[in-house]
Protein backbone atom coordinates (compact mmCIF):
# COMPACT_ATOMS: atom_id res chain seq x y z
CA UNK A 1 -42.54 -93.38 -177.90
CA UNK A 2 -45.40 -92.02 -175.85
CA UNK A 3 -47.83 -93.15 -173.19
CA UNK A 4 -51.51 -92.80 -174.04
CA UNK A 5 -54.87 -94.20 -173.05
CA UNK A 6 -56.19 -97.13 -175.05
CA UNK A 7 -59.83 -97.89 -175.83
CA UNK A 8 -60.30 -99.43 -172.36
CA UNK A 9 -59.03 -96.27 -170.67
CA UNK A 10 -55.78 -97.90 -169.51
CA UNK A 11 -52.37 -96.40 -170.21
CA UNK A 12 -50.13 -98.12 -172.74
CA UNK A 13 -46.86 -97.47 -174.53
CA UNK A 14 -47.06 -96.93 -178.29
CA UNK A 15 -45.07 -95.49 -181.16
CA UNK A 16 -46.43 -92.44 -182.98
CA UNK A 17 -45.88 -91.85 -186.70
CA UNK A 18 -46.79 -88.58 -188.42
CA UNK A 19 -47.57 -89.20 -192.08
CA UNK A 20 -48.66 -87.04 -195.00
CA UNK A 21 -50.23 -88.04 -198.31
CA UNK A 22 -49.70 -86.54 -201.76
CA UNK A 23 -52.57 -84.10 -201.20
CA UNK A 24 -50.97 -82.65 -198.07
CA UNK A 25 -53.36 -84.36 -195.66
CA UNK A 26 -51.69 -85.36 -192.36
CA UNK A 27 -52.50 -88.26 -190.06
CA UNK A 28 -51.13 -89.70 -186.84
CA UNK A 29 -50.61 -93.47 -186.85
CA UNK A 30 -50.33 -95.08 -183.43
CA UNK A 31 -48.32 -98.31 -183.37
CA UNK A 32 -48.83 -100.33 -180.15
CA UNK A 33 -45.64 -101.73 -178.66
CA UNK A 34 -46.78 -105.29 -179.49
CA UNK A 35 -46.18 -104.57 -183.21
CA UNK A 36 -42.77 -102.92 -182.91
CA UNK A 37 -40.84 -106.12 -183.67
CA UNK A 38 -42.77 -107.07 -186.80
CA UNK A 39 -40.65 -106.56 -189.93
CA UNK A 40 -42.74 -103.96 -191.75
CA UNK A 41 -43.53 -101.78 -188.71
CA UNK A 42 -40.01 -102.07 -187.29
CA UNK A 43 -38.43 -100.91 -190.56
CA UNK A 44 -40.95 -98.08 -190.75
CA UNK A 45 -40.15 -96.93 -187.20
CA UNK A 46 -36.36 -97.27 -187.47
CA UNK A 47 -35.70 -96.14 -191.07
CA UNK A 48 -38.98 -94.81 -192.41
CA UNK A 49 -38.60 -91.05 -191.89
CA UNK A 50 -38.75 -89.26 -195.27
CA UNK A 51 -39.70 -92.41 -197.23
CA UNK A 52 -42.93 -93.28 -199.03
CA UNK A 53 -45.08 -96.10 -197.64
CA UNK A 54 -48.44 -97.68 -198.35
CA UNK A 55 -50.40 -98.30 -195.15
CA UNK A 56 -53.21 -100.83 -195.34
CA UNK A 57 -55.94 -101.92 -192.93
CA UNK A 58 -55.18 -99.24 -190.35
CA UNK A 59 -58.16 -98.31 -188.21
CA UNK A 60 -59.48 -94.74 -187.90
CA UNK A 61 -60.13 -94.03 -184.22
CA UNK A 62 -60.84 -90.30 -184.28
CA UNK A 63 -60.70 -87.03 -186.14
CA UNK A 64 -59.00 -84.37 -184.07
CA UNK A 65 -58.31 -80.64 -184.31
CA UNK A 66 -56.04 -77.94 -182.90
CA UNK A 67 -58.01 -77.49 -179.70
CA UNK A 68 -58.10 -81.19 -178.82
CA UNK A 69 -54.51 -82.04 -179.88
CA UNK A 70 -52.38 -78.94 -179.41
CA UNK A 71 -49.13 -80.93 -179.26
CA UNK A 72 -49.83 -82.78 -182.50
CA UNK A 73 -50.68 -79.61 -184.40
CA UNK A 74 -47.65 -77.76 -183.10
CA UNK A 75 -45.60 -80.63 -184.54
CA UNK A 76 -47.38 -80.33 -187.91
CA UNK A 77 -46.85 -76.55 -187.84
CA UNK A 78 -43.11 -76.97 -187.23
CA UNK A 79 -42.76 -79.30 -190.23
CA UNK A 80 -45.07 -77.43 -192.60
CA UNK A 81 -43.60 -75.66 -195.62
CA UNK A 82 -45.11 -72.36 -196.75
CA UNK A 83 -44.93 -71.03 -200.31
CA UNK A 84 -41.74 -69.22 -199.33
CA UNK A 85 -40.06 -72.37 -198.01
CA UNK A 86 -40.81 -74.40 -201.14
CA UNK A 87 -38.36 -77.14 -200.15
CA UNK A 88 -38.71 -80.88 -199.86
CA UNK A 89 -36.49 -83.68 -198.67
CA UNK A 90 -35.87 -87.12 -200.05
CA UNK A 91 -33.95 -89.91 -198.39
CA UNK A 92 -31.48 -91.87 -200.46
CA UNK A 93 -29.64 -94.40 -198.38
CA UNK A 94 -27.62 -92.80 -195.64
CA UNK A 95 -27.75 -89.20 -196.84
CA UNK A 96 -30.54 -86.66 -196.85
CA UNK A 97 -30.89 -84.45 -199.93
CA UNK A 98 -32.59 -81.05 -199.81
CA UNK A 99 -34.02 -79.89 -203.15
CA UNK A 100 -35.81 -76.78 -204.33
CA UNK A 101 -39.11 -77.18 -206.15
CA UNK A 102 -39.91 -75.08 -209.18
CA UNK A 103 -43.35 -73.70 -209.72
CA UNK A 104 -46.05 -73.24 -207.09
CA UNK A 105 -47.62 -75.78 -204.80
CA UNK A 106 -51.26 -76.63 -204.66
CA UNK A 107 -53.36 -73.85 -203.14
CA UNK A 108 -54.45 -76.02 -200.22
CA UNK A 109 -50.83 -76.41 -199.07
CA UNK A 110 -50.22 -72.77 -198.13
CA UNK A 111 -51.31 -73.28 -194.52
CA UNK A 112 -51.39 -76.27 -192.16
CA UNK A 113 -54.63 -78.27 -191.94
CA UNK A 114 -57.21 -77.57 -189.26
CA UNK A 115 -57.96 -81.23 -188.61
CA UNK A 116 -56.11 -84.53 -188.61
CA UNK A 117 -57.12 -88.19 -188.51
CA UNK A 118 -55.73 -90.48 -185.79
CA UNK A 119 -55.24 -94.08 -186.91
CA UNK A 120 -54.16 -97.20 -185.05
CA UNK A 121 -52.44 -100.40 -186.14
CA UNK A 122 -54.25 -103.72 -185.73
CA UNK A 123 -53.42 -107.36 -186.49
CA UNK A 124 -54.31 -107.07 -190.19
CA UNK A 125 -52.43 -103.77 -190.72
CA UNK A 126 -49.36 -103.57 -192.95
CA UNK A 127 -46.76 -100.95 -193.94
CA UNK A 128 -45.17 -101.46 -197.37
CA UNK A 129 -42.21 -99.40 -198.58
CA UNK A 130 -42.73 -97.97 -202.08
CA UNK A 131 -39.24 -98.37 -203.55
CA UNK A 132 -39.71 -96.59 -206.87
CA UNK A 133 -42.32 -94.00 -205.91
CA UNK A 134 -41.06 -90.43 -205.58
CA UNK A 135 -43.48 -87.53 -205.37
CA UNK A 136 -42.91 -83.94 -204.45
CA UNK A 137 -46.09 -82.16 -205.39
CA UNK A 138 -47.99 -81.65 -202.16
CA UNK A 139 -45.18 -83.04 -199.98
CA UNK A 140 -44.61 -80.40 -197.34
CA UNK A 141 -41.90 -81.86 -195.10
CA UNK A 142 -39.25 -79.34 -194.08
CA UNK A 143 -35.64 -80.48 -193.89
CA UNK A 144 -34.36 -80.90 -190.34
CA UNK A 145 -32.38 -77.83 -189.26
CA UNK A 146 -30.41 -77.97 -186.02
CA UNK A 147 -30.13 -74.72 -184.09
CA UNK A 148 -27.47 -73.52 -181.66
CA UNK A 149 -28.68 -73.30 -178.06
CA UNK A 150 -27.36 -69.76 -177.69
CA UNK A 151 -29.56 -68.60 -180.59
CA UNK A 152 -32.60 -70.37 -179.13
CA UNK A 153 -32.20 -68.73 -175.73
CA UNK A 154 -31.51 -65.24 -177.01
CA UNK A 155 -33.84 -64.90 -179.99
CA UNK A 156 -36.43 -62.54 -178.52
CA UNK A 157 -38.61 -62.63 -181.65
CA UNK A 158 -39.38 -66.35 -181.33
CA UNK A 159 -42.74 -67.25 -179.83
CA UNK A 160 -43.72 -70.71 -178.60
CA UNK A 161 -42.31 -73.09 -181.19
CA UNK A 162 -40.47 -76.37 -181.71
CA UNK A 163 -36.75 -76.58 -182.38
CA UNK A 164 -34.08 -79.21 -183.12
CA UNK A 165 -30.63 -79.13 -181.56
CA UNK A 166 -27.40 -81.10 -181.25
CA UNK A 167 -26.00 -81.11 -177.73
CA UNK A 168 -23.69 -82.79 -175.24
CA UNK A 169 -25.20 -84.33 -172.11
CA UNK A 170 -23.83 -83.11 -168.79
CA UNK A 171 -26.22 -84.77 -166.35
CA UNK A 172 -29.46 -86.78 -166.38
CA UNK A 173 -31.90 -86.67 -163.48
CA UNK A 174 -34.78 -89.18 -163.43
CA UNK A 175 -37.65 -88.32 -161.08
CA UNK A 176 -39.99 -91.14 -160.06
CA UNK A 177 -40.09 -94.96 -160.09
CA UNK A 178 -37.58 -95.41 -162.92
CA UNK A 179 -34.92 -93.65 -160.88
CA UNK A 180 -34.30 -97.25 -159.75
CA UNK A 181 -36.18 -99.17 -162.46
CA UNK A 182 -36.04 -98.16 -166.12
CA UNK A 183 -39.14 -100.21 -166.98
CA UNK A 184 -41.44 -97.69 -165.29
CA UNK A 185 -42.27 -94.27 -166.67
CA UNK A 186 -41.01 -91.13 -164.95
CA UNK A 187 -40.33 -87.48 -165.60
CA UNK A 188 -36.77 -86.41 -166.32
CA UNK A 189 -34.38 -83.49 -166.56
CA UNK A 190 -31.43 -83.37 -168.95
CA UNK A 191 -28.71 -80.77 -168.49
CA UNK A 192 -27.05 -80.20 -171.88
CA UNK A 193 -24.68 -77.78 -173.59
CA UNK A 194 -23.16 -77.08 -177.00
CA UNK A 195 -20.25 -75.12 -178.42
CA UNK A 196 -22.30 -71.90 -178.75
CA UNK A 197 -23.00 -71.79 -175.00
CA UNK A 198 -19.45 -72.80 -174.15
CA UNK A 199 -18.00 -70.04 -176.33
CA UNK A 200 -20.24 -67.50 -174.61
CA UNK A 201 -19.28 -68.61 -171.08
CA UNK A 202 -15.57 -68.64 -171.97
CA UNK A 203 -15.73 -65.01 -173.06
CA UNK A 204 -18.07 -63.71 -170.33
CA UNK A 205 -17.75 -66.30 -167.56
CA UNK A 206 -20.61 -68.35 -166.05
CA UNK A 207 -23.25 -66.48 -164.06
CA UNK A 208 -26.89 -66.75 -162.99
CA UNK A 209 -27.87 -65.13 -166.29
CA UNK A 210 -25.50 -67.27 -168.38
CA UNK A 211 -25.36 -70.77 -166.95
CA UNK A 212 -23.46 -72.39 -169.81
CA UNK A 213 -26.07 -75.13 -170.14
CA UNK A 214 -29.78 -75.68 -170.82
CA UNK A 215 -32.25 -77.90 -168.98
CA UNK A 216 -34.55 -80.16 -171.02
CA UNK A 217 -37.55 -81.31 -168.99
CA UNK A 218 -40.03 -84.04 -169.88
CA UNK A 219 -42.90 -85.95 -168.28
CA UNK A 220 -42.15 -89.27 -169.98
CA UNK A 221 -38.70 -90.85 -169.99
CA UNK A 222 -39.80 -93.06 -172.90
CA UNK A 223 -38.61 -90.34 -175.31
CA UNK A 224 -35.05 -90.95 -174.07
CA UNK A 225 -32.60 -93.46 -175.55
CA UNK A 226 -32.27 -96.70 -173.52
CA UNK A 227 -28.79 -95.71 -172.27
CA UNK A 228 -30.40 -92.93 -170.21
CA UNK A 229 -33.24 -95.12 -168.93
CA UNK A 230 -30.92 -97.82 -167.64
CA UNK A 231 -29.85 -97.98 -164.02
CA UNK A 232 -27.28 -96.86 -163.10
CA UNK A 233 -26.88 -93.99 -165.58
CA UNK A 234 -23.18 -93.34 -166.10
CA UNK A 235 -22.81 -92.17 -169.71
CA UNK A 236 -23.13 -88.46 -168.97
CA UNK A 237 -20.81 -87.38 -171.80
CA UNK A 238 -22.85 -88.74 -174.70
CA UNK A 239 -23.82 -86.54 -177.64
CA UNK A 240 -27.54 -86.23 -178.34
CA UNK A 241 -29.84 -85.09 -181.11
CA UNK A 242 -32.98 -83.55 -179.62
CA UNK A 243 -35.79 -82.94 -182.10
CA UNK A 244 -39.12 -81.18 -181.70
CA UNK A 245 -38.35 -79.64 -178.33
CA UNK A 246 -40.81 -76.97 -177.25
CA UNK A 247 -39.52 -73.46 -176.53
CA UNK A 248 -41.79 -71.95 -173.90
CA UNK A 249 -40.28 -68.90 -172.22
CA UNK A 250 -37.25 -67.20 -173.72
CA UNK A 251 -34.03 -66.85 -171.71
CA UNK A 252 -35.31 -69.30 -169.07
CA UNK A 253 -32.62 -71.89 -169.85
CA UNK A 254 -35.39 -74.46 -170.17
CA UNK A 255 -36.80 -76.51 -173.06
CA UNK A 256 -39.65 -79.03 -172.93
CA UNK A 257 -39.71 -82.54 -174.40
CA UNK A 258 -43.29 -83.74 -174.85
CA UNK A 259 -44.61 -87.01 -176.29
CA UNK A 260 -43.87 -85.77 -179.84
CA UNK A 261 -40.20 -84.98 -179.08
CA UNK A 262 -37.44 -87.40 -180.10
CA UNK A 263 -34.12 -87.58 -178.24
CA UNK A 264 -31.50 -89.90 -179.71
CA UNK A 265 -27.85 -90.78 -179.26
CA UNK A 266 -25.75 -89.13 -182.00
CA UNK A 267 -23.46 -91.59 -183.80
CA UNK A 268 -21.65 -91.72 -187.12
CA UNK A 269 -23.72 -94.66 -188.35
CA UNK A 270 -27.10 -95.41 -186.77
CA UNK A 271 -28.46 -98.96 -186.48
CA UNK A 272 -31.52 -98.48 -184.26
CA UNK A 273 -34.32 -95.96 -183.78
CA UNK A 274 -32.60 -94.59 -180.68
CA UNK A 275 -29.53 -93.55 -182.68
CA UNK A 276 -29.16 -90.85 -185.34
CA UNK A 277 -26.40 -90.51 -187.91
CA UNK A 278 -24.36 -87.30 -187.61
CA UNK A 279 -21.32 -86.23 -189.63
CA UNK A 280 -18.04 -87.11 -187.94
CA UNK A 281 -16.72 -83.53 -187.81
CA UNK A 282 -19.91 -82.30 -186.12
CA UNK A 283 -19.81 -85.17 -183.65
CA UNK A 284 -16.16 -84.43 -182.85
CA UNK A 285 -16.89 -80.74 -182.20
CA UNK A 286 -19.36 -81.71 -179.47
CA UNK A 287 -17.35 -84.59 -178.08
CA UNK A 288 -14.29 -82.37 -177.66
CA UNK A 289 -16.07 -79.61 -175.71
CA UNK A 290 -14.07 -78.67 -172.64
CA UNK A 291 -15.47 -79.58 -169.22
CA UNK A 292 -18.23 -77.15 -168.27
CA UNK A 293 -17.43 -74.51 -165.68
CA UNK A 294 -20.66 -74.25 -163.69
CA UNK A 295 -21.61 -70.94 -162.04
CA UNK A 296 -21.06 -70.66 -158.28
CA UNK A 297 -23.99 -70.80 -155.89
CA UNK A 298 -25.27 -67.33 -154.91
CA UNK A 299 -28.40 -65.80 -153.39
CA UNK A 300 -29.71 -65.31 -156.96
CA UNK A 301 -29.33 -68.96 -158.00
CA UNK A 302 -32.47 -70.62 -159.39
CA UNK A 303 -34.18 -73.68 -157.93
CA UNK A 304 -33.69 -76.89 -159.91
CA UNK A 305 -30.45 -75.93 -161.70
CA UNK A 306 -26.87 -77.13 -161.29
CA UNK A 307 -24.24 -74.97 -159.58
CA UNK A 308 -20.68 -75.28 -158.33
CA UNK A 309 -20.22 -75.40 -154.57
CA UNK A 310 -16.82 -74.93 -152.96
CA UNK A 311 -17.53 -75.78 -149.35
CA UNK A 312 -16.41 -77.38 -146.11
CA UNK A 313 -18.55 -79.91 -144.23
CA UNK A 314 -19.60 -78.49 -140.85
CA UNK A 315 -22.20 -81.08 -139.81
CA UNK A 316 -24.18 -84.20 -140.70
CA UNK A 317 -27.97 -84.62 -140.74
CA UNK A 318 -28.00 -87.82 -138.67
CA UNK A 319 -31.80 -88.27 -138.78
CA UNK A 320 -31.76 -89.16 -142.49
CA UNK A 321 -28.39 -90.94 -142.70
CA UNK A 322 -28.71 -94.62 -143.59
CA UNK A 323 -27.07 -97.45 -145.54
CA UNK A 324 -28.42 -100.41 -147.52
CA UNK A 325 -27.16 -103.16 -149.82
CA UNK A 326 -27.85 -103.42 -153.56
CA UNK A 327 -27.16 -105.95 -156.29
CA UNK A 328 -23.68 -105.48 -157.73
CA UNK A 329 -25.00 -106.11 -161.26
CA UNK A 330 -28.25 -104.17 -161.67
CA UNK A 331 -28.33 -101.94 -158.57
CA UNK A 332 -31.60 -103.44 -157.36
CA UNK A 333 -32.06 -102.63 -153.64
CA UNK A 334 -34.61 -105.42 -153.19
CA UNK A 335 -32.21 -108.26 -152.47
CA UNK A 336 -33.07 -110.99 -149.96
CA UNK A 337 -31.10 -113.44 -147.87
CA UNK A 338 -31.45 -117.10 -148.79
CA UNK A 339 -30.84 -119.18 -145.69
CA UNK A 340 -29.13 -122.49 -145.94
CA UNK A 341 -25.76 -124.10 -145.62
CA UNK A 342 -24.22 -121.07 -147.29
CA UNK A 343 -26.42 -118.07 -146.60
CA UNK A 344 -26.23 -115.60 -149.48
CA UNK A 345 -28.10 -112.72 -151.02
CA UNK A 346 -30.45 -113.22 -153.96
CA UNK A 347 -31.55 -110.62 -156.57
CA UNK A 348 -35.09 -111.00 -157.89
CA UNK A 349 -34.35 -108.79 -160.93
CA UNK A 350 -31.26 -110.73 -162.07
CA UNK A 351 -32.68 -114.00 -160.73
CA UNK A 352 -29.29 -115.02 -159.37
CA UNK A 353 -27.18 -115.03 -156.25
CA UNK A 354 -25.40 -111.79 -155.32
CA UNK A 355 -21.88 -112.68 -154.27
CA UNK A 356 -20.58 -109.17 -153.60
CA UNK A 357 -23.45 -106.79 -152.68
CA UNK A 358 -22.57 -103.10 -152.77
CA UNK A 359 -23.31 -100.55 -150.07
CA UNK A 360 -25.38 -97.50 -150.88
CA UNK A 361 -25.55 -94.59 -148.47
CA UNK A 362 -27.89 -91.65 -148.04
CA UNK A 363 -25.94 -88.80 -146.53
CA UNK A 364 -26.96 -85.14 -146.17
CA UNK A 365 -24.37 -82.74 -144.82
CA UNK A 366 -24.31 -79.12 -143.68
CA UNK A 367 -21.69 -77.05 -145.46
CA UNK A 368 -20.20 -73.57 -145.40
CA UNK A 369 -20.07 -72.27 -148.97
CA UNK A 370 -17.15 -70.08 -150.03
CA UNK A 371 -19.17 -68.00 -152.51
CA UNK A 372 -22.16 -67.66 -150.15
CA UNK A 373 -20.75 -67.63 -146.57
CA UNK A 374 -23.90 -66.28 -144.90
CA UNK A 375 -26.10 -69.11 -146.18
CA UNK A 376 -27.15 -72.26 -144.32
CA UNK A 377 -26.76 -74.94 -146.99
CA UNK A 378 -27.67 -78.63 -146.93
CA UNK A 379 -26.24 -80.92 -149.57
CA UNK A 380 -27.41 -84.47 -150.28
CA UNK A 381 -24.29 -86.18 -151.57
CA UNK A 382 -23.99 -88.51 -154.52
CA UNK A 383 -22.71 -92.02 -153.87
CA UNK A 384 -19.48 -91.29 -155.72
CA UNK A 385 -18.83 -88.30 -153.43
CA UNK A 386 -19.64 -90.33 -150.32
CA UNK A 387 -17.16 -93.00 -151.38
CA UNK A 388 -14.44 -90.33 -151.59
CA UNK A 389 -15.30 -88.79 -148.22
CA UNK A 390 -15.65 -91.94 -146.16
CA UNK A 391 -12.90 -94.52 -145.63
CA UNK A 392 -13.09 -97.74 -147.61
CA UNK A 393 -13.58 -99.71 -144.40
CA UNK A 394 -17.16 -98.49 -144.01
CA UNK A 395 -18.17 -100.56 -147.04
CA UNK A 396 -17.54 -103.76 -145.09
CA UNK A 397 -18.94 -102.58 -141.77
CA UNK A 398 -22.48 -102.77 -140.44
CA UNK A 399 -21.60 -100.38 -137.61
CA UNK A 400 -21.91 -97.20 -139.70
CA UNK A 401 -19.14 -94.61 -139.78
CA UNK A 402 -17.47 -92.02 -137.60
CA UNK A 403 -18.89 -88.51 -138.13
CA UNK A 404 -15.45 -87.07 -137.46
CA UNK A 405 -14.33 -88.72 -140.72
CA UNK A 406 -16.64 -86.34 -142.62
CA UNK A 407 -16.28 -83.04 -140.76
CA UNK A 408 -13.87 -80.54 -142.28
CA UNK A 409 -13.78 -82.37 -145.60
CA UNK A 410 -14.36 -80.56 -148.93
CA UNK A 411 -16.84 -82.50 -151.07
CA UNK A 412 -16.58 -81.93 -154.81
CA UNK A 413 -20.14 -80.80 -155.55
């Protein structure tokens, strides 16, 4: 899914399909969100990859090129087969078959096109699956190849390109409105790892040069599966397939997810677009990865990455410390008091009474770090850490908490 401007200049959410005809011509079909539940477009979105369809009554809105649509053409480039590749894929049920083509392809298929049509779906548009039609001549779709993160980070010969990878999620950070409301769009950061990075850190140990994980950054959280857009986000151990990520700078421990990237939950048998089928043995190898040993914080640590801090609390930033109540079901902080015979809280998101509101606390502490004793370090604690540091009684008190209950404690951060 991606956010784009419609004909009125307003932003809207839509699905994007990349299609190719028998002559090798590519086109982008934009499917507005209002059509996603119709039978033909839903089946095309969820199960259509690699299958042959007839699209009728779709509207041409523009002809674009490499300069105007760099992201689209980098996607086409990543999927394009050269004469040397000479492979195609066909989808038969639940398995993908890779076959080799004999003979040569048409001369116009040796290089990606220089232009592409952008189409949009309207009320009269239809997508019909061609059950018995199989063509390979001119079909230039490469089979999906997943790459190990270690190879991606340390392949010095690779220029800016797109890659696919299987990984295990360590942490998800949403930045913006959907940090508290998944309906709004926000940028995000995913911290992920795989067995190749874990094997490297086990042999050499984590360091600033070898973090043991990679950060995936994106401007639109709509490319994420719903589990990671929901609030609160707790499923940090899920296995993901991340396709069409952009490699920008080598050895930076950072990959980019743009509007043409697809990040899905890896499962043995997919049922929705946001899931992708993966063989059980491959899924087990990622699920069974040992807990990541993060590198310790040092003077060479990079901004925006995750590190291990062994520290003792030496002070509290009282100016920013505060508490508030949230809905115990959805986490919505905008709950109101309904006055009456039995005054109670009411959640506008759940549209129901909140019988047991939960306390949320913002707490920033000053710590002395074991690995970096000369540094002055502030740490904004997670709610789970705060709950461990402070006594349970503070949850039921509107008088705050005693600072002495925090000093000298060792937060697990």
